[in-house]
Amino acid sequence: MPTHLKRLVRSRMHKTGESYATALRYVRRRAEKRRPLSEPAEPAVPPSVPSPHAPRIRYAGAVRREHAIDAHVASKPAPLAAALARLVAIARAAEPLHDEILFRGSPSFCIDGEPYCFLVDDARHVTLGFCHGFALPDPEKLLEGRGKWTRQVKVRPGESLPEDAIARLVGESARRVRALRSIDPKGAKEVRRG
C-alpha cells in the first residue's frame, strides 16, 4: 500500500478509534468517490446477473389496473401530462402481467407487488426510476444517478423521447424483477399504503 494511504488510515484510526480494517475501508471508499469521471468504476454486479443482495420491496395493495394513475396523469398540466402518459404507456407495455399502484403520489409498476419502475413528476420534468437501476445495461447512457441501487431517466416535456431505449430499460428491469422473484419469492419487504 502506498505510504500516503497508510498515513490516511493511521490518521483515521487515531481520530476515530476505529480498527485498521475499518479505517482502511473508509479510506478506500472515499478514494472511489473521488475517482475522476473519465475513469469509469467497475459495476458492482455484472449486468446479466440480478443481485439478490439489493434491498427489495413489495407493495401490498397493488392491483392489475390502477385507475387512480390515469386520473393522476389527467390532473397534470398539458405538456407534463403528455410526457407522463407516454411513460405510463411504455411501462404498462413492458410487462403484460404487471400490477400497479399509486404510492405516495407516484405511479409504480410491479410484478406481484415488486416494482420494476416508478414515475415521479416534478414541475419541470418526469423522472422514470428503477429500483435496481445500478445493474441495468445502458448503452445509450440515459440513466442518471450515483445512488447505491437506484438510477433514473429524466424526461423533460417538449424534448424528444427516446422511446425504444426507454422501453428496453423498462423491459430489462421487469425481467430482472421476475428473475429475482423466481430465485427468492418471499425476499421482499412488504410496504403498505399509509
C-alpha atoms as a PDB file:
ATOM      1  CA  MET A   1       0.000   0.000   0.000  1.00  0.00           C
ATOM      2  CA  PRO A   2       1.350   3.469  -0.842  1.00  0.00           C
ATOM      3  CA  THR A   3       2.730   5.487   2.048  1.00  0.00           C
ATOM      4  CA  HIS A   4       0.183   8.288   1.716  1.00  0.00           C
ATOM      5  CA  LEU A   5      -2.672   5.779   2.130  1.00  0.00           C
ATOM      6  CA  LYS A   6      -1.030   4.318   5.221  1.00  0.00           C
ATOM      7  CA  ARG A   7      -0.854   7.819   6.696  1.00  0.00           C
ATOM      8  CA  LEU A   8      -4.514   8.436   5.933  1.00  0.00           C
ATOM      9  CA  VAL A   9      -5.531   5.130   7.532  1.00  0.00           C
ATOM     10  CA  ARG A  10      -3.439   5.747  10.646  1.00  0.00           C
ATOM     11  CA  SER A  11      -4.800   9.277  10.930  1.00  0.00           C
ATOM     12  CA  ARG A  12      -8.357   7.956  10.679  1.00  0.00           C
ATOM     13  CA  MET A  13      -7.612   5.315  13.329  1.00  0.00           C
ATOM     14  CA  HIS A  14      -6.212   7.952  15.667  1.00  0.00           C
ATOM     15  CA  LYS A  15      -9.148  10.353  15.205  1.00  0.00           C
ATOM     16  CA  THR A  16     -11.993   7.846  15.463  1.00  0.00           C
ATOM     17  CA  GLY A  17     -10.556   4.914  17.390  1.00  0.00           C
ATOM     18  CA  GLU A  18     -11.540   2.538  14.580  1.00  0.00           C
ATOM     19  CA  SER A  19      -9.703  -0.665  13.804  1.00  0.00           C
ATOM     20  CA  TYR A  20      -7.194  -0.753  10.948  1.00  0.00           C
ATOM     21  CA  ALA A  21      -9.573  -2.696   8.694  1.00  0.00           C
ATOM     22  CA  THR A  22     -12.464  -0.270   9.266  1.00  0.00           C
ATOM     23  CA  ALA A  23     -10.300   2.796   8.680  1.00  0.00           C
ATOM     24  CA  LEU A  24      -8.853   1.210   5.522  1.00  0.00           C
ATOM     25  CA  ARG A  25     -12.374   0.518   4.193  1.00  0.00           C
ATOM     26  CA  TYR A  26     -13.334   4.156   4.824  1.00  0.00           C
ATOM     27  CA  VAL A  27     -10.241   5.487   3.035  1.00  0.00           C
ATOM     28  CA  ARG A  28     -10.778   3.199   0.033  1.00  0.00           C
ATOM     29  CA  ARG A  29     -14.453   4.165  -0.313  1.00  0.00           C
ATOM     30  CA  ARG A  30     -13.546   7.821  -0.124  1.00  0.00           C
ATOM     31  CA  ALA A  31     -10.914   7.345  -2.830  1.00  0.00           C
ATOM     32  CA  GLU A  32     -13.509   5.650  -5.083  1.00  0.00           C
ATOM     33  CA  LYS A  33     -15.862   8.610  -4.704  1.00  0.00           C
ATOM     34  CA  ARG A  34     -13.089  10.988  -5.740  1.00  0.00           C
ATOM     35  CA  ARG A  35     -12.191   8.994  -8.845  1.00  0.00           C
ATOM     36  CA  PRO A  36     -12.228  11.256 -11.931  1.00  0.00           C
ATOM     37  CA  LEU A  37     -15.282  10.923 -14.176  1.00  0.00           C
ATOM     38  CA  SER A  38     -13.101   9.896 -17.112  1.00  0.00           C
ATOM     39  CA  GLU A  39     -12.180   6.712 -15.230  1.00  0.00           C
ATOM     40  CA  PRO A  40     -15.406   4.644 -15.023  1.00  0.00           C
ATOM     41  CA  ALA A  41     -15.940   2.497 -11.964  1.00  0.00           C
ATOM     42  CA  GLU A  42     -16.478  -1.230 -12.421  1.00  0.00           C
ATOM     43  CA  PRO A  43     -20.102  -2.238 -11.881  1.00  0.00           C
ATOM     44  CA  ALA A  44     -20.752  -3.908  -8.531  1.00  0.00           C
ATOM     45  CA  VAL A  45     -22.677  -6.725 -10.221  1.00  0.00           C
ATOM     46  CA  PRO A  46     -22.367  -7.889 -13.809  1.00  0.00           C
ATOM     47  CA  PRO A  47     -25.398  -6.581 -15.741  1.00  0.00           C
ATOM     48  CA  SER A  48     -26.583 -10.055 -16.728  1.00  0.00           C
ATOM     49  CA  VAL A  49     -26.919 -11.304 -13.124  1.00  0.00           C
ATOM     50  CA  PRO A  50     -29.728  -9.998 -10.899  1.00  0.00           C
ATOM     51  CA  SER A  51     -28.418  -9.012  -7.488  1.00  0.00           C
ATOM     52  CA  PRO A  52     -30.079 -10.905  -4.656  1.00  0.00           C
ATOM     53  CA  HIS A  53     -28.353  -8.556  -2.176  1.00  0.00           C
ATOM     54  CA  ALA A  54     -30.125  -5.375  -3.260  1.00  0.00           C
ATOM     55  CA  PRO A  55     -32.983  -4.468  -0.937  1.00  0.00           C
ATOM     56  CA  ARG A  56     -36.382  -5.379  -2.333  1.00  0.00           C
ATOM     57  CA  ILE A  57     -39.818  -4.036  -1.502  1.00  0.00           C
ATOM     58  CA  ARG A  58     -43.288  -5.344  -2.222  1.00  0.00           C
ATOM     59  CA  TYR A  59     -46.340  -3.102  -2.302  1.00  0.00           C
ATOM     60  CA  ALA A  60     -49.361  -4.605  -0.594  1.00  0.00           C
ATOM     61  CA  GLY A  61     -52.442  -3.461  -2.461  1.00  0.00           C
ATOM     62  CA  ALA A  62     -51.054  -3.337  -5.997  1.00  0.00           C
ATOM     63  CA  VAL A  63     -53.814  -4.136  -8.496  1.00  0.00           C
ATOM     64  CA  ARG A  64     -53.981  -5.163 -12.150  1.00  0.00           C
ATOM     65  CA  ARG A  65     -55.092  -1.740 -13.412  1.00  0.00           C
ATOM     66  CA  GLU A  66     -54.979   1.270 -11.058  1.00  0.00           C
ATOM     67  CA  HIS A  67     -57.445   3.866 -12.365  1.00  0.00           C
ATOM     68  CA  ALA A  68     -56.013   6.420  -9.941  1.00  0.00           C
ATOM     69  CA  ILE A  69     -52.875   6.518 -12.139  1.00  0.00           C
ATOM     70  CA  ASP A  70     -54.941   7.633 -15.148  1.00  0.00           C
ATOM     71  CA  ALA A  71     -56.632  10.305 -13.002  1.00  0.00           C
ATOM     72  CA  HIS A  72     -53.202  11.403 -11.720  1.00  0.00           C
ATOM     73  CA  VAL A  73     -51.915  11.821 -15.296  1.00  0.00           C
ATOM     74  CA  ALA A  74     -55.034  13.742 -16.347  1.00  0.00           C
ATOM     75  CA  SER A  75     -54.656  16.168 -13.433  1.00  0.00           C
ATOM     76  CA  LYS A  76     -51.253  17.430 -14.662  1.00  0.00           C
ATOM     77  CA  PRO A  77     -50.659  20.407 -16.995  1.00  0.00           C
ATOM     78  CA  ALA A  78     -50.748  19.546 -20.720  1.00  0.00           C
ATOM     79  CA  PRO A  79     -47.023  19.275 -21.621  1.00  0.00           C
ATOM     80  CA  LEU A  80     -46.175  17.346 -18.465  1.00  0.00           C
ATOM     81  CA  ALA A  81     -49.258  15.116 -18.814  1.00  0.00           C
ATOM     82  CA  ALA A  82     -48.235  14.128 -22.350  1.00  0.00           C
ATOM     83  CA  ALA A  83     -44.751  13.012 -21.225  1.00  0.00           C
ATOM     84  CA  LEU A  84     -46.201  11.260 -18.178  1.00  0.00           C
ATOM     85  CA  ALA A  85     -48.869   9.473 -20.272  1.00  0.00           C
ATOM     86  CA  ARG A  86     -46.259   8.253 -22.758  1.00  0.00           C
ATOM     87  CA  LEU A  87     -44.056   6.847 -19.961  1.00  0.00           C
ATOM     88  CA  VAL A  88     -47.085   5.167 -18.346  1.00  0.00           C
ATOM     89  CA  ALA A  89     -47.895   3.517 -21.685  1.00  0.00           C
ATOM     90  CA  ILE A  90     -44.279   2.292 -22.063  1.00  0.00           C
ATOM     91  CA  ALA A  91     -44.229   0.908 -18.502  1.00  0.00           C
ATOM     92  CA  ARG A  92     -47.543  -0.879 -18.995  1.00  0.00           C
ATOM     93  CA  ALA A  93     -46.484  -2.376 -22.328  1.00  0.00           C
ATOM     94  CA  ALA A  94     -43.182  -3.716 -20.963  1.00  0.00           C
ATOM     95  CA  GLU A  95     -44.751  -6.463 -18.874  1.00  0.00           C
ATOM     96  CA  PRO A  96     -48.109  -7.990 -19.854  1.00  0.00           C
ATOM     97  CA  LEU A  97     -48.825  -9.472 -16.390  1.00  0.00           C
ATOM     98  CA  HIS A  98     -47.956  -6.452 -14.267  1.00  0.00           C
ATOM     99  CA  ASP A  99     -49.794  -4.759 -11.449  1.00  0.00           C
ATOM    100  CA  GLU A 100     -49.819  -1.081 -10.500  1.00  0.00           C
ATOM    101  CA  ILE A 101     -50.161   1.168  -7.502  1.00  0.00           C
ATOM    102  CA  LEU A 102     -50.243   4.903  -6.911  1.00  0.00           C
ATOM    103  CA  PHE A 103     -47.974   5.051  -3.873  1.00  0.00           C
ATOM    104  CA  ARG A 104     -47.499   8.464  -2.249  1.00  0.00           C
ATOM    105  CA  GLY A 105     -48.488  10.216  -5.453  1.00  0.00           C
ATOM    106  CA  SER A 106     -46.081   8.251  -7.657  1.00  0.00           C
ATOM    107  CA  PRO A 107     -47.222   5.570 -10.102  1.00  0.00           C
ATOM    108  CA  SER A 108     -45.336   2.307  -9.612  1.00  0.00           C
ATOM    109  CA  PHE A 109     -45.450  -0.669 -11.974  1.00  0.00           C
ATOM    110  CA  CYS A 110     -44.881  -4.045 -10.347  1.00  0.00           C
ATOM    111  CA  ILE A 111     -44.671  -7.792 -10.746  1.00  0.00           C
ATOM    112  CA  ASP A 112     -46.557  -9.399  -7.860  1.00  0.00           C
ATOM    113  CA  GLY A 113     -46.166  -6.143  -5.932  1.00  0.00           C
ATOM    114  CA  GLU A 114     -42.413  -5.703  -6.545  1.00  0.00           C
ATOM    115  CA  PRO A 115     -41.765  -2.550  -8.587  1.00  0.00           C
ATOM    116  CA  TYR A 116     -39.784  -2.701 -11.801  1.00  0.00           C
ATOM    117  CA  CYS A 117     -40.153   1.047 -12.399  1.00  0.00           C
ATOM    118  CA  PHE A 118     -41.813   4.107 -10.928  1.00  0.00           C
ATOM    119  CA  LEU A 119     -42.638   7.637 -12.087  1.00  0.00           C
ATOM    120  CA  VAL A 120     -42.181  10.870 -10.172  1.00  0.00           C
ATOM    121  CA  ASP A 121     -43.409  14.097 -11.733  1.00  0.00           C
ATOM    122  CA  ASP A 122     -41.940  17.491 -10.977  1.00  0.00           C
ATOM    123  CA  ALA A 123     -42.886  20.915 -12.321  1.00  0.00           C
ATOM    124  CA  ARG A 124     -40.169  20.715 -14.999  1.00  0.00           C
ATOM    125  CA  HIS A 125     -39.688  17.011 -15.761  1.00  0.00           C
ATOM    126  CA  VAL A 126     -40.835  13.449 -15.167  1.00  0.00           C
ATOM    127  CA  THR A 127     -38.424  11.006 -13.563  1.00  0.00           C
ATOM    128  CA  LEU A 128     -38.590   7.355 -14.581  1.00  0.00           C
ATOM    129  CA  GLY A 129     -36.880   5.460 -11.762  1.00  0.00           C
ATOM    130  CA  PHE A 130     -35.576   1.920 -11.450  1.00  0.00           C
ATOM    131  CA  CYS A 131     -35.101   0.309  -8.019  1.00  0.00           C
ATOM    132  CA  HIS A 132     -32.240  -1.909  -9.270  1.00  0.00           C
ATOM    133  CA  GLY A 133     -31.045   0.526 -11.910  1.00  0.00           C
ATOM    134  CA  PHE A 134     -27.372   0.104 -10.972  1.00  0.00           C
ATOM    135  CA  ALA A 135     -27.323  -3.240 -12.794  1.00  0.00           C
ATOM    136  CA  LEU A 136     -29.260  -2.301 -15.928  1.00  0.00           C
ATOM    137  CA  PRO A 137     -27.347  -2.282 -19.223  1.00  0.00           C
ATOM    138  CA  ASP A 138     -27.418   1.250 -20.611  1.00  0.00           C
ATOM    139  CA  PRO A 139     -25.577   1.538 -23.951  1.00  0.00           C
ATOM    140  CA  GLU A 140     -27.429   4.808 -24.764  1.00  0.00           C
ATOM    141  CA  LYS A 141     -26.253   6.383 -21.457  1.00  0.00           C
ATOM    142  CA  LEU A 142     -29.736   7.503 -20.410  1.00  0.00           C
ATOM    143  CA  LEU A 143     -29.513   6.506 -16.752  1.00  0.00           C
ATOM    144  CA  GLU A 144     -28.555   9.147 -14.218  1.00  0.00           C
ATOM    145  CA  GLY A 145     -27.778   8.959 -10.533  1.00  0.00           C
ATOM    146  CA  ARG A 146     -24.990   7.787  -8.309  1.00  0.00           C
ATOM    147  CA  GLY A 147     -27.009   6.085  -5.587  1.00  0.00           C
ATOM    148  CA  LYS A 148     -26.155   2.650  -4.336  1.00  0.00           C
ATOM    149  CA  TRP A 149     -29.079   0.902  -6.064  1.00  0.00           C
ATOM    150  CA  THR A 150     -31.423   3.230  -7.955  1.00  0.00           C
ATOM    151  CA  ARG A 151     -30.976   5.015 -11.273  1.00  0.00           C
ATOM    152  CA  GLN A 152     -33.358   7.241 -13.195  1.00  0.00           C
ATOM    153  CA  VAL A 153     -34.084   8.807 -16.557  1.00  0.00           C
ATOM    154  CA  LYS A 154     -35.318  12.408 -16.603  1.00  0.00           C
ATOM    155  CA  VAL A 155     -37.774  13.260 -19.353  1.00  0.00           C
ATOM    156  CA  ARG A 156     -38.497  16.924 -19.972  1.00  0.00           C
ATOM    157  CA  PRO A 157     -41.724  17.960 -21.730  1.00  0.00           C
ATOM    158  CA  GLY A 158     -41.125  19.149 -25.273  1.00  0.00           C
ATOM    159  CA  GLU A 159     -37.871  17.231 -25.716  1.00  0.00           C
ATOM    160  CA  SER A 160     -37.683  14.195 -27.963  1.00  0.00           C
ATOM    161  CA  LEU A 161     -38.301  10.953 -26.109  1.00  0.00           C
ATOM    162  CA  PRO A 162     -36.009   8.004 -26.951  1.00  0.00           C
ATOM    163  CA  GLU A 163     -38.928   5.568 -26.672  1.00  0.00           C
ATOM    164  CA  ASP A 164     -37.110   2.453 -27.907  1.00  0.00           C
ATOM    165  CA  ALA A 165     -34.215   2.890 -25.483  1.00  0.00           C
ATOM    166  CA  ILE A 166     -36.561   3.608 -22.578  1.00  0.00           C
ATOM    167  CA  ALA A 167     -38.710   0.605 -23.477  1.00  0.00           C
ATOM    168  CA  ARG A 168     -35.585  -1.608 -23.453  1.00  0.00           C
ATOM    169  CA  LEU A 169     -34.609  -0.308 -19.985  1.00  0.00           C
ATOM    170  CA  VAL A 170     -38.117  -0.884 -18.605  1.00  0.00           C
ATOM    171  CA  GLY A 171     -38.308  -4.348 -20.173  1.00  0.00           C
ATOM    172  CA  GLU A 172     -34.913  -5.349 -18.777  1.00  0.00           C
ATOM    173  CA  SER A 173     -35.899  -4.068 -15.330  1.00  0.00           C
ATOM    174  CA  ALA A 174     -39.112  -6.141 -15.462  1.00  0.00           C
ATOM    175  CA  ARG A 175     -37.112  -9.246 -16.484  1.00  0.00           C
ATOM    176  CA  ARG A 176     -34.759  -8.701 -13.527  1.00  0.00           C
ATOM    177  CA  VAL A 177     -37.603  -8.413 -11.035  1.00  0.00           C
ATOM    178  CA  ARG A 178     -39.188 -11.570 -12.450  1.00  0.00           C
ATOM    179  CA  ALA A 179     -35.809 -13.379 -12.149  1.00  0.00           C
ATOM    180  CA  LEU A 180     -35.362 -12.223  -8.546  1.00  0.00           C
ATOM    181  CA  ARG A 181     -38.883 -13.403  -7.719  1.00  0.00           C
ATOM    182  CA  SER A 182     -38.120 -16.825  -9.179  1.00  0.00           C
ATOM    183  CA  ILE A 183     -34.923 -17.081  -7.081  1.00  0.00           C
ATOM    184  CA  ASP A 184     -36.472 -15.838  -3.827  1.00  0.00           C
ATOM    185  CA  PRO A 185     -40.239 -15.151  -3.984  1.00  0.00           C
ATOM    186  CA  LYS A 186     -40.501 -14.051  -0.340  1.00  0.00           C
ATOM    187  CA  GLY A 187     -37.342 -11.925  -0.154  1.00  0.00           C
ATOM    188  CA  ALA A 188     -39.076  -8.549  -0.387  1.00  0.00           C
ATOM    189  CA  LYS A 189     -40.074  -6.317   2.497  1.00  0.00           C
ATOM    190  CA  GLU A 190     -43.797  -5.567   2.387  1.00  0.00           C
ATOM    191  CA  VAL A 191     -44.827  -1.896   2.329  1.00  0.00           C
ATOM    192  CA  ARG A 192     -48.404  -0.769   2.913  1.00  0.00           C
ATOM    193  CA  ARG A 193     -50.119   2.456   1.943  1.00  0.00           C
ATOM    194  CA  GLY A 194     -50.197   4.723   4.903  1.00  0.00           C
END
